[in-house]
């Protein structure tokens, strides 16, 4: 299966100015009781977004307007570290997050995001300008082909894709579709095997 090609991600960006946000903070284990991808956005950053009694914390960015509708998340280094859980990208996607910008990413989390259509990038310039745009509640335009993040003031800030995200960001394929790209080579190999058998 091949998803529609994506060349741009545009949306509000929320800033979580923290390093080492692990997968247990992204989606606590007690909410991983389903194999469905839907409904997990409610529990995204649950321990930070809600009081123990379930009351939303007014000071958490994703509980405040306009960031309740964020499509982009700006975080610190080592985002998605910790245990392997596919529910973490599922929760991000269900909330509406399509791209995470961070200094670096946990390896397993990075792979899980790649397989679930969440683009991960690292700014190579303009971090302060992008962070300021987030704080002002402005919309960012991420041009995946040009590899720049555009801010409303006209700024263009370069980024690098997280390893393995280059092709999936602009031409998202699932694992079967990615394998089928080599269908002719696989068929030729099988013919050679039959001829030598």
N, C-alpha and C. Protein backbone atom coordinates (compact mmCIF):
# COMPACT_ATOMS: atom_id res chain seq x y z
N UNK A 1 0.84 -1.18 0.00
CA UNK A 1 0.00 0.00 0.00
C UNK A 1 0.88 1.24 0.00
N UNK A 2 0.53 2.21 -0.83
CA UNK A 2 1.29 3.45 -0.86
C UNK A 2 0.37 4.59 -0.49
N UNK A 3 0.78 5.38 0.48
CA UNK A 3 -0.01 6.54 0.88
C UNK A 3 0.21 7.65 -0.14
N UNK A 4 -0.63 8.66 -0.08
CA UNK A 4 -0.46 9.81 -0.96
C UNK A 4 0.89 10.46 -0.68
N UNK A 5 1.61 10.85 -1.75
CA UNK A 5 2.89 11.54 -1.53
C UNK A 5 2.69 12.83 -0.74
N UNK A 6 3.62 13.12 0.13
CA UNK A 6 3.55 14.32 0.97
C UNK A 6 4.77 15.17 0.64
N UNK A 7 4.55 16.44 0.33
CA UNK A 7 5.70 17.31 0.09
C UNK A 7 5.72 18.51 1.03
N UNK A 8 4.65 18.67 1.84
CA UNK A 8 4.57 19.81 2.75
C UNK A 8 3.71 19.45 3.95
N UNK A 9 4.14 19.88 5.11
CA UNK A 9 3.33 19.74 6.33
C UNK A 9 3.16 21.15 6.87
N UNK A 10 1.92 21.58 6.99
CA UNK A 10 1.63 22.93 7.47
C UNK A 10 0.70 22.83 8.67
N UNK A 11 1.01 23.59 9.69
CA UNK A 11 0.13 23.58 10.85
C UNK A 11 0.71 24.33 12.03
N UNK A 12 -0.11 24.46 13.05
CA UNK A 12 0.35 25.06 14.30
C UNK A 12 1.42 24.19 14.93
N UNK A 13 2.38 24.83 15.56
CA UNK A 13 3.46 24.10 16.20
C UNK A 13 3.47 24.41 17.69
N UNK A 14 3.51 23.36 18.49
CA UNK A 14 3.58 23.50 19.95
C UNK A 14 5.00 23.18 20.40
N UNK A 15 5.46 23.89 21.39
CA UNK A 15 6.82 23.67 21.89
C UNK A 15 6.80 22.99 23.25
N UNK A 16 7.54 21.89 23.35
CA UNK A 16 7.80 21.21 24.62
C UNK A 16 9.30 21.31 24.85
N UNK A 17 9.72 22.32 25.56
CA UNK A 17 11.15 22.60 25.72
C UNK A 17 11.76 21.68 26.78
N UNK A 18 11.82 20.39 26.44
CA UNK A 18 12.37 19.39 27.36
C UNK A 18 13.21 18.42 26.57
N UNK A 19 14.28 17.94 27.18
CA UNK A 19 15.09 16.86 26.61
C UNK A 19 14.63 15.53 27.20
N UNK A 20 15.00 14.45 26.53
CA UNK A 20 14.79 13.08 27.04
C UNK A 20 13.32 12.77 27.36
N UNK A 21 12.42 13.21 26.49
CA UNK A 21 11.00 12.84 26.66
C UNK A 21 10.88 11.40 26.22
N UNK A 22 10.58 10.52 27.17
CA UNK A 22 10.56 9.10 26.83
C UNK A 22 9.16 8.63 26.43
N UNK A 23 9.12 7.41 25.92
CA UNK A 23 7.85 6.89 25.41
C UNK A 23 6.82 6.70 26.51
N UNK A 24 7.25 6.53 27.76
CA UNK A 24 6.30 6.41 28.86
C UNK A 24 5.62 7.75 29.15
N UNK A 25 6.30 8.85 28.86
CA UNK A 25 5.66 10.16 29.00
C UNK A 25 4.75 10.43 27.80
N UNK A 26 5.16 9.97 26.62
CA UNK A 26 4.34 10.17 25.44
C UNK A 26 3.01 9.44 25.60
N UNK A 27 3.06 8.18 26.03
CA UNK A 27 1.84 7.40 26.30
C UNK A 27 2.13 6.45 27.46
N UNK A 28 1.63 6.74 28.64
CA UNK A 28 1.89 5.87 29.79
C UNK A 28 1.39 4.44 29.55
N UNK A 29 2.11 3.48 30.10
CA UNK A 29 1.82 2.06 29.87
C UNK A 29 0.39 1.69 30.25
N UNK A 30 -0.17 2.34 31.25
CA UNK A 30 -1.52 1.95 31.69
C UNK A 30 -2.58 2.21 30.63
N UNK A 31 -2.25 2.99 29.59
CA UNK A 31 -3.21 3.25 28.51
C UNK A 31 -2.91 2.43 27.26
N UNK A 32 -2.00 1.49 27.38
CA UNK A 32 -1.64 0.65 26.24
C UNK A 32 -2.36 -0.69 26.31
N UNK A 33 -3.65 -0.64 26.48
CA UNK A 33 -4.44 -1.87 26.63
C UNK A 33 -5.22 -2.18 25.36
N UNK A 34 -4.88 -1.54 24.27
CA UNK A 34 -5.60 -1.71 23.02
C UNK A 34 -4.63 -1.93 21.88
N UNK A 35 -5.10 -2.59 20.83
CA UNK A 35 -4.30 -2.70 19.61
C UNK A 35 -4.85 -1.76 18.54
N UNK A 36 -5.84 -0.95 18.92
CA UNK A 36 -6.40 0.04 18.01
C UNK A 36 -5.51 1.28 18.01
N UNK A 37 -5.40 1.92 16.87
CA UNK A 37 -4.63 3.15 16.76
C UNK A 37 -5.45 4.37 17.16
N UNK A 38 -6.71 4.18 17.39
CA UNK A 38 -7.62 5.31 17.59
C UNK A 38 -8.00 5.47 19.07
N UNK A 39 -8.15 6.71 19.48
CA UNK A 39 -8.53 7.01 20.85
C UNK A 39 -7.35 7.24 21.77
N UNK A 40 -6.13 7.01 21.26
CA UNK A 40 -4.94 7.16 22.11
C UNK A 40 -4.51 8.62 22.27
N UNK A 41 -4.95 9.48 21.36
CA UNK A 41 -4.58 10.89 21.46
C UNK A 41 -5.05 11.54 22.74
N UNK A 42 -6.14 11.03 23.29
CA UNK A 42 -6.66 11.53 24.57
C UNK A 42 -5.64 11.33 25.69
N UNK A 43 -4.80 10.30 25.56
CA UNK A 43 -3.84 9.98 26.62
C UNK A 43 -2.42 10.44 26.30
N UNK A 44 -2.25 11.16 25.18
CA UNK A 44 -0.94 11.69 24.84
C UNK A 44 -0.43 12.60 25.96
N UNK A 45 0.77 12.35 26.44
CA UNK A 45 1.38 13.12 27.54
C UNK A 45 0.43 13.18 28.76
N UNK A 46 -0.25 12.10 29.02
CA UNK A 46 -1.30 12.06 30.04
C UNK A 46 -0.83 12.58 31.39
N UNK A 47 0.35 12.18 31.82
CA UNK A 47 0.82 12.58 33.16
C UNK A 47 1.11 14.08 33.24
N UNK A 48 1.41 14.69 32.11
CA UNK A 48 1.68 16.13 32.07
C UNK A 48 0.44 16.93 31.76
N UNK A 49 -0.48 16.36 30.99
CA UNK A 49 -1.67 17.11 30.55
C UNK A 49 -2.78 17.15 31.59
N UNK A 50 -2.79 16.16 32.50
CA UNK A 50 -3.93 16.03 33.42
C UNK A 50 -3.47 15.88 34.87
N UNK A 51 -4.30 16.39 35.76
CA UNK A 51 -4.13 16.15 37.19
C UNK A 51 -4.49 14.68 37.46
N UNK A 52 -4.10 14.13 38.63
CA UNK A 52 -4.47 12.75 38.94
C UNK A 52 -5.99 12.49 38.90
N UNK A 53 -6.81 13.52 39.16
CA UNK A 53 -8.26 13.33 39.12
C UNK A 53 -8.84 13.48 37.71
N UNK A 54 -7.96 13.69 36.70
CA UNK A 54 -8.42 13.81 35.31
C UNK A 54 -8.69 15.22 34.84
N UNK A 55 -8.51 16.19 35.72
CA UNK A 55 -8.70 17.59 35.35
C UNK A 55 -7.54 18.06 34.48
N UNK A 56 -7.82 18.70 33.33
CA UNK A 56 -6.72 19.19 32.48
C UNK A 56 -5.89 20.24 33.20
N UNK A 57 -4.59 20.15 33.02
CA UNK A 57 -3.68 21.16 33.58
C UNK A 57 -3.65 22.37 32.64
N UNK A 58 -4.06 23.51 33.14
CA UNK A 58 -4.16 24.72 32.32
C UNK A 58 -2.80 25.20 31.82
N UNK A 59 -1.72 24.80 32.51
CA UNK A 59 -0.40 25.29 32.13
C UNK A 59 0.29 24.42 31.08
N UNK A 60 -0.32 23.30 30.69
CA UNK A 60 0.33 22.43 29.70
C UNK A 60 -0.04 22.89 28.30
N UNK A 61 0.96 23.04 27.45
CA UNK A 61 0.78 23.69 26.16
C UNK A 61 -0.33 23.07 25.31
N UNK A 62 -0.45 21.75 25.28
CA UNK A 62 -1.46 21.13 24.42
C UNK A 62 -2.88 21.24 24.97
N UNK A 63 -3.01 21.80 26.17
CA UNK A 63 -4.33 22.08 26.74
C UNK A 63 -4.75 23.52 26.51
N UNK A 64 -3.89 24.32 25.89
CA UNK A 64 -4.17 25.74 25.71
C UNK A 64 -4.40 26.06 24.24
N UNK A 65 -5.29 27.02 24.01
CA UNK A 65 -5.49 27.52 22.64
C UNK A 65 -4.28 28.39 22.28
N UNK A 66 -3.83 28.35 21.05
CA UNK A 66 -4.33 27.58 19.91
C UNK A 66 -3.69 26.20 19.77
N UNK A 67 -2.79 25.83 20.70
CA UNK A 67 -1.97 24.62 20.53
C UNK A 67 -2.74 23.32 20.71
N UNK A 68 -4.00 23.40 21.12
CA UNK A 68 -4.82 22.18 21.19
C UNK A 68 -4.94 21.51 19.83
N UNK A 69 -4.72 22.29 18.77
CA UNK A 69 -4.84 21.78 17.40
C UNK A 69 -3.47 21.70 16.72
N UNK A 70 -2.43 21.53 17.49
CA UNK A 70 -1.09 21.47 16.92
C UNK A 70 -0.92 20.26 16.01
N UNK A 71 -0.23 20.48 14.90
CA UNK A 71 0.12 19.40 13.97
C UNK A 71 1.61 19.12 14.00
N UNK A 72 2.36 20.03 14.63
CA UNK A 72 3.82 19.94 14.68
C UNK A 72 4.24 20.12 16.13
N UNK A 73 5.22 19.35 16.55
CA UNK A 73 5.73 19.43 17.92
C UNK A 73 7.21 19.75 17.87
N UNK A 74 7.64 20.76 18.63
CA UNK A 74 9.06 21.10 18.74
C UNK A 74 9.52 20.71 20.13
N UNK A 75 10.50 19.82 20.20
CA UNK A 75 11.00 19.32 21.49
C UNK A 75 12.51 19.43 21.53
N UNK A 76 13.11 18.96 22.63
CA UNK A 76 14.55 19.00 22.81
C UNK A 76 15.25 17.77 22.24
N UNK A 77 16.36 17.40 22.85
CA UNK A 77 17.14 16.24 22.39
C UNK A 77 16.55 14.93 22.89
N UNK A 78 16.84 13.87 22.14
CA UNK A 78 16.54 12.50 22.55
C UNK A 78 15.04 12.26 22.75
N UNK A 79 14.22 12.81 21.86
CA UNK A 79 12.77 12.63 21.94
C UNK A 79 12.42 11.18 21.60
N UNK A 80 11.56 10.57 22.40
CA UNK A 80 11.14 9.20 22.14
C UNK A 80 12.11 8.15 22.63
N UNK A 81 12.95 8.49 23.59
CA UNK A 81 13.86 7.49 24.16
C UNK A 81 13.04 6.54 25.03
N UNK A 82 13.69 5.52 25.55
CA UNK A 82 13.00 4.61 26.45
C UNK A 82 12.51 3.36 25.76
N UNK A 83 11.48 2.76 26.34
CA UNK A 83 11.02 1.46 25.88
C UNK A 83 10.36 1.54 24.52
N UNK A 84 10.33 0.39 23.84
CA UNK A 84 9.71 0.30 22.53
C UNK A 84 8.21 0.18 22.71
N UNK A 85 7.48 1.08 22.10
CA UNK A 85 6.02 0.97 22.12
C UNK A 85 5.47 1.71 20.90
N UNK A 86 4.83 0.96 20.03
CA UNK A 86 4.24 1.56 18.84
C UNK A 86 3.08 2.48 19.20
N UNK A 87 2.56 2.32 20.40
CA UNK A 87 1.47 3.18 20.84
C UNK A 87 1.91 4.65 20.92
N UNK A 88 3.20 4.93 21.08
CA UNK A 88 3.67 6.32 21.17
C UNK A 88 3.40 7.08 19.88
N UNK A 89 3.84 6.59 18.70
CA UNK A 89 3.47 7.31 17.49
C UNK A 89 1.97 7.26 17.20
N UNK A 90 1.30 6.17 17.61
CA UNK A 90 -0.16 6.12 17.42
C UNK A 90 -0.84 7.24 18.20
N UNK A 91 -0.38 7.48 19.43
CA UNK A 91 -0.97 8.55 20.25
C UNK A 91 -0.71 9.92 19.63
N UNK A 92 0.51 10.14 19.16
CA UNK A 92 0.83 11.41 18.50
C UNK A 92 -0.06 11.62 17.28
N UNK A 93 -0.16 10.59 16.44
CA UNK A 93 -0.95 10.70 15.21
C UNK A 93 -2.43 10.91 15.52
N UNK A 94 -2.95 10.19 16.52
CA UNK A 94 -4.36 10.32 16.85
C UNK A 94 -4.68 11.71 17.39
N UNK A 95 -3.72 12.32 18.07
CA UNK A 95 -3.90 13.69 18.55
C UNK A 95 -3.90 14.68 17.38
N UNK A 96 -3.16 14.33 16.31
CA UNK A 96 -3.06 15.20 15.14
C UNK A 96 -1.65 15.65 14.81
N UNK A 97 -0.66 15.14 15.56
CA UNK A 97 0.74 15.51 15.30
C UNK A 97 1.22 14.76 14.06
N UNK A 98 1.72 15.49 13.07
CA UNK A 98 2.22 14.89 11.83
C UNK A 98 3.73 14.97 11.71
N UNK A 99 4.34 15.85 12.51
CA UNK A 99 5.79 16.02 12.43
C UNK A 99 6.32 16.40 13.81
N UNK A 100 7.46 15.82 14.17
CA UNK A 100 8.16 16.20 15.40
C UNK A 100 9.52 16.75 15.00
N UNK A 101 9.84 17.92 15.53
CA UNK A 101 11.15 18.54 15.34
C UNK A 101 11.89 18.42 16.66
N UNK A 102 13.04 17.78 16.65
CA UNK A 102 13.81 17.62 17.89
C UNK A 102 15.29 17.54 17.54
N UNK A 103 16.13 17.66 18.56
CA UNK A 103 17.58 17.58 18.36
C UNK A 103 18.04 16.20 17.97
N UNK A 104 17.35 15.17 18.48
CA UNK A 104 17.64 13.77 18.16
C UNK A 104 16.46 12.93 18.63
N UNK A 105 16.46 11.65 18.22
CA UNK A 105 15.33 10.78 18.51
C UNK A 105 15.82 9.42 18.97
N UNK A 106 15.01 8.77 19.81
CA UNK A 106 15.29 7.39 20.19
C UNK A 106 15.20 6.50 18.95
N UNK A 107 16.11 5.54 18.83
CA UNK A 107 16.19 4.71 17.62
C UNK A 107 14.91 3.94 17.34
N UNK A 108 14.38 3.25 18.33
CA UNK A 108 13.19 2.42 18.10
C UNK A 108 11.98 3.32 17.82
N UNK A 109 11.87 4.41 18.55
CA UNK A 109 10.79 5.37 18.32
C UNK A 109 10.87 5.91 16.90
N UNK A 110 12.07 6.23 16.45
CA UNK A 110 12.27 6.75 15.09
C UNK A 110 11.73 5.78 14.06
N UNK A 111 12.04 4.50 14.22
CA UNK A 111 11.56 3.49 13.28
C UNK A 111 10.04 3.35 13.36
N UNK A 112 9.48 3.36 14.57
CA UNK A 112 8.04 3.25 14.72
C UNK A 112 7.31 4.44 14.07
N UNK A 113 7.88 5.63 14.18
CA UNK A 113 7.27 6.80 13.54
C UNK A 113 7.33 6.67 12.03
N UNK A 114 8.46 6.19 11.53
CA UNK A 114 8.60 6.01 10.08
C UNK A 114 7.51 5.09 9.55
N UNK A 115 7.24 4.04 10.28
CA UNK A 115 6.22 3.07 9.83
C UNK A 115 4.80 3.56 10.03
N UNK A 116 4.63 4.62 10.79
CA UNK A 116 3.29 5.12 11.08
C UNK A 116 3.03 6.52 10.53
N UNK A 117 3.90 6.98 9.64
CA UNK A 117 3.64 8.21 8.91
C UNK A 117 3.88 9.50 9.65
N UNK A 118 4.68 9.48 10.72
CA UNK A 118 5.05 10.71 11.42
C UNK A 118 6.46 11.07 11.01
N UNK A 119 6.62 12.26 10.43
CA UNK A 119 7.92 12.71 9.95
C UNK A 119 8.72 13.28 11.11
N UNK A 120 9.98 12.90 11.19
CA UNK A 120 10.89 13.40 12.23
C UNK A 120 12.02 14.17 11.56
N UNK A 121 12.24 15.39 12.04
CA UNK A 121 13.31 16.22 11.47
C UNK A 121 14.09 16.92 12.58
N UNK A 122 15.30 17.35 12.21
CA UNK A 122 16.18 18.08 13.13
C UNK A 122 16.60 19.37 12.45
N UNK A 123 16.38 20.50 13.10
CA UNK A 123 16.78 21.78 12.54
C UNK A 123 18.30 21.87 12.46
N UNK A 124 18.80 22.39 11.35
CA UNK A 124 20.24 22.65 11.23
C UNK A 124 20.50 24.15 11.29
N UNK A 125 19.46 24.95 11.27
CA UNK A 125 19.59 26.40 11.44
C UNK A 125 18.27 26.96 11.96
N UNK A 126 18.34 28.13 12.57
CA UNK A 126 17.13 28.85 12.93
C UNK A 126 16.31 28.31 14.07
N UNK A 127 16.94 27.55 14.98
CA UNK A 127 16.16 26.97 16.08
C UNK A 127 15.45 28.05 16.90
N UNK A 128 16.13 29.13 17.19
CA UNK A 128 15.53 30.21 17.99
C UNK A 128 14.33 30.83 17.31
N UNK A 129 14.42 31.05 16.00
CA UNK A 129 13.31 31.65 15.24
C UNK A 129 12.12 30.72 15.20
N UNK A 130 12.36 29.42 15.02
CA UNK A 130 11.27 28.46 14.98
C UNK A 130 10.62 28.34 16.35
N UNK A 131 11.44 28.31 17.42
CA UNK A 131 10.90 28.25 18.78
C UNK A 131 10.05 29.48 19.08
N UNK A 132 10.50 30.66 18.64
CA UNK A 132 9.74 31.89 18.88
C UNK A 132 8.40 31.85 18.15
N UNK A 133 8.39 31.31 16.92
CA UNK A 133 7.14 31.19 16.18
C UNK A 133 6.17 30.25 16.90
N UNK A 134 6.71 29.16 17.46
CA UNK A 134 5.88 28.24 18.24
C UNK A 134 5.27 28.95 19.44
N UNK A 135 6.09 29.69 20.16
CA UNK A 135 5.62 30.38 21.36
C UNK A 135 4.52 31.40 21.03
N UNK A 136 4.57 31.97 19.83
CA UNK A 136 3.56 32.94 19.42
C UNK A 136 2.30 32.28 18.85
N UNK A 137 2.31 30.96 18.75
CA UNK A 137 1.15 30.25 18.22
C UNK A 137 1.00 30.40 16.72
N UNK A 138 2.12 30.51 16.03
CA UNK A 138 2.08 30.70 14.59
C UNK A 138 2.14 29.37 13.84
N UNK A 139 1.75 29.42 12.59
CA UNK A 139 1.75 28.25 11.73
C UNK A 139 3.11 28.12 11.05
N UNK A 140 3.63 26.90 11.04
CA UNK A 140 4.86 26.62 10.32
C UNK A 140 4.51 25.88 9.04
N UNK A 141 5.33 26.09 8.01
CA UNK A 141 5.19 25.33 6.76
C UNK A 141 6.50 24.57 6.56
N UNK A 142 6.42 23.26 6.61
CA UNK A 142 7.60 22.42 6.45
C UNK A 142 7.62 21.90 5.02
N UNK A 143 8.58 22.40 4.25
CA UNK A 143 8.73 21.99 2.85
C UNK A 143 9.69 20.81 2.83
N UNK A 144 9.15 19.61 2.63
CA UNK A 144 9.95 18.40 2.73
C UNK A 144 10.92 18.25 1.57
N UNK A 145 10.52 18.71 0.38
CA UNK A 145 11.40 18.60 -0.78
C UNK A 145 12.59 19.56 -0.66
N UNK A 146 12.32 20.80 -0.25
CA UNK A 146 13.38 21.80 -0.11
C UNK A 146 14.14 21.67 1.21
N UNK A 147 13.60 20.90 2.14
CA UNK A 147 14.17 20.71 3.47
C UNK A 147 14.37 22.02 4.22
N UNK A 148 13.27 22.79 4.26
CA UNK A 148 13.26 24.03 5.03
C UNK A 148 11.96 24.13 5.82
N UNK A 149 12.06 24.78 6.98
CA UNK A 149 10.89 25.14 7.77
C UNK A 149 10.68 26.63 7.54
N UNK A 150 9.49 26.99 7.06
CA UNK A 150 9.18 28.39 6.80
C UNK A 150 8.34 28.95 7.94
N UNK A 151 8.79 30.10 8.45
CA UNK A 151 8.05 30.79 9.51
C UNK A 151 7.30 31.96 8.89
N UNK A 152 6.23 32.45 9.54
CA UNK A 152 5.40 33.52 8.97
C UNK A 152 6.16 34.82 8.69
N UNK A 153 7.30 35.03 9.34
CA UNK A 153 8.06 36.26 9.09
C UNK A 153 8.91 36.17 7.82
N UNK A 154 8.76 35.08 7.06
CA UNK A 154 9.52 34.91 5.82
C UNK A 154 10.80 34.13 6.00
N UNK A 155 11.11 33.72 7.21
CA UNK A 155 12.33 32.96 7.45
C UNK A 155 12.26 31.57 6.87
N UNK A 156 13.40 31.09 6.38
CA UNK A 156 13.52 29.72 5.89
C UNK A 156 14.68 29.07 6.64
N UNK A 157 14.38 28.01 7.36
CA UNK A 157 15.35 27.40 8.26
C UNK A 157 15.57 25.95 7.86
N UNK A 158 16.82 25.62 7.58
CA UNK A 158 17.16 24.30 7.05
C UNK A 158 16.97 23.21 8.10
N UNK A 159 16.65 22.01 7.63
CA UNK A 159 16.56 20.87 8.51
C UNK A 159 17.12 19.63 7.83
N UNK A 160 17.40 18.62 8.65
CA UNK A 160 17.79 17.30 8.15
C UNK A 160 16.73 16.31 8.61
N UNK A 161 16.45 15.33 7.77
CA UNK A 161 15.54 14.26 8.17
C UNK A 161 16.24 13.36 9.18
N UNK A 162 15.46 12.82 10.10
CA UNK A 162 15.99 11.76 10.95
C UNK A 162 16.37 10.59 10.04
N UNK A 163 17.42 9.84 10.37
CA UNK A 163 17.83 8.73 9.50
C UNK A 163 16.67 7.80 9.16
N UNK A 164 16.54 7.51 7.86
CA UNK A 164 15.48 6.62 7.40
C UNK A 164 14.18 7.31 7.04
N UNK A 165 14.07 8.62 7.31
CA UNK A 165 12.82 9.33 7.06
C UNK A 165 12.78 10.06 5.72
N UNK A 166 13.90 10.14 5.01
CA UNK A 166 13.95 10.91 3.78
C UNK A 166 12.91 10.44 2.77
N UNK A 167 12.95 9.17 2.42
CA UNK A 167 12.07 8.62 1.40
C UNK A 167 10.64 8.50 1.92
N UNK A 168 10.47 8.12 3.15
CA UNK A 168 9.14 7.92 3.70
C UNK A 168 8.39 9.23 3.84
N UNK A 169 9.10 10.32 4.02
CA UNK A 169 8.43 11.60 4.19
C UNK A 169 7.79 12.07 2.89
N UNK A 170 8.49 11.90 1.78
CA UNK A 170 7.98 12.41 0.52
C UNK A 170 7.25 11.36 -0.30
N UNK A 171 7.50 10.09 -0.03
CA UNK A 171 6.84 9.00 -0.76
C UNK A 171 6.58 7.87 0.23
N UNK A 172 5.59 8.07 1.13
CA UNK A 172 5.40 7.10 2.21
C UNK A 172 4.90 5.75 1.71
N UNK A 173 5.67 4.73 2.00
CA UNK A 173 5.34 3.36 1.61
C UNK A 173 5.31 2.50 2.85
N UNK A 174 4.39 1.54 2.88
CA UNK A 174 4.48 0.58 3.95
C UNK A 174 5.54 -0.46 3.56
N UNK A 175 5.80 -1.41 4.45
CA UNK A 175 6.90 -2.34 4.21
C UNK A 175 6.67 -3.23 2.99
N UNK A 176 5.41 -3.59 2.71
CA UNK A 176 5.12 -4.43 1.55
C UNK A 176 5.36 -3.64 0.26
N UNK A 177 4.84 -2.41 0.20
CA UNK A 177 5.04 -1.59 -0.99
C UNK A 177 6.52 -1.30 -1.22
N UNK A 178 7.26 -1.12 -0.14
CA UNK A 178 8.70 -0.86 -0.27
C UNK A 178 9.40 -2.09 -0.87
N UNK A 179 9.01 -3.28 -0.45
CA UNK A 179 9.58 -4.52 -0.99
C UNK A 179 9.19 -4.69 -2.45
N UNK A 180 7.96 -4.34 -2.79
CA UNK A 180 7.48 -4.51 -4.17
C UNK A 180 8.22 -3.62 -5.18
N UNK A 181 8.92 -2.62 -4.71
CA UNK A 181 9.75 -1.82 -5.60
C UNK A 181 10.84 -2.67 -6.25
N UNK A 182 11.19 -3.78 -5.61
CA UNK A 182 12.24 -4.67 -6.10
C UNK A 182 11.66 -5.92 -6.76
N UNK A 183 10.38 -5.85 -7.15
CA UNK A 183 9.70 -7.02 -7.70
C UNK A 183 10.41 -7.60 -8.92
N UNK A 184 10.87 -6.76 -9.83
CA UNK A 184 11.55 -7.26 -11.04
C UNK A 184 12.86 -7.96 -10.68
N UNK A 185 13.62 -7.38 -9.76
CA UNK A 185 14.88 -7.99 -9.35
C UNK A 185 14.64 -9.32 -8.62
N UNK A 186 13.58 -9.38 -7.81
CA UNK A 186 13.25 -10.62 -7.09
C UNK A 186 12.86 -11.70 -8.09
N UNK A 187 12.04 -11.33 -9.09
CA UNK A 187 11.62 -12.30 -10.12
C UNK A 187 12.82 -12.81 -10.91
N UNK A 188 13.76 -11.91 -11.25
CA UNK A 188 14.95 -12.32 -12.00
C UNK A 188 15.80 -13.28 -11.15
N UNK A 189 15.93 -13.00 -9.89
CA UNK A 189 16.69 -13.87 -8.99
C UNK A 189 16.06 -15.26 -8.92
N UNK A 190 14.73 -15.29 -8.80
CA UNK A 190 14.04 -16.58 -8.72
C UNK A 190 14.18 -17.38 -10.02
N UNK A 191 14.17 -16.67 -11.17
CA UNK A 191 14.39 -17.37 -12.45
C UNK A 191 15.78 -17.99 -12.50
N UNK A 192 16.78 -17.23 -12.02
CA UNK A 192 18.17 -17.76 -12.00
C UNK A 192 18.26 -19.00 -11.10
N UNK A 193 17.57 -18.98 -9.97
CA UNK A 193 17.57 -20.13 -9.07
C UNK A 193 16.97 -21.36 -9.76
N UNK A 194 15.87 -21.16 -10.47
CA UNK A 194 15.22 -22.26 -11.16
C UNK A 194 16.12 -22.84 -12.26
N UNK A 195 16.86 -21.96 -12.94
CA UNK A 195 17.73 -22.40 -14.03
C UNK A 195 18.90 -23.21 -13.51
N UNK A 196 19.35 -22.93 -12.29
CA UNK A 196 20.51 -23.65 -11.73
C UNK A 196 20.09 -24.87 -10.92
N UNK A 197 18.79 -25.04 -10.70
CA UNK A 197 18.32 -26.16 -9.88
C UNK A 197 18.35 -27.46 -10.66
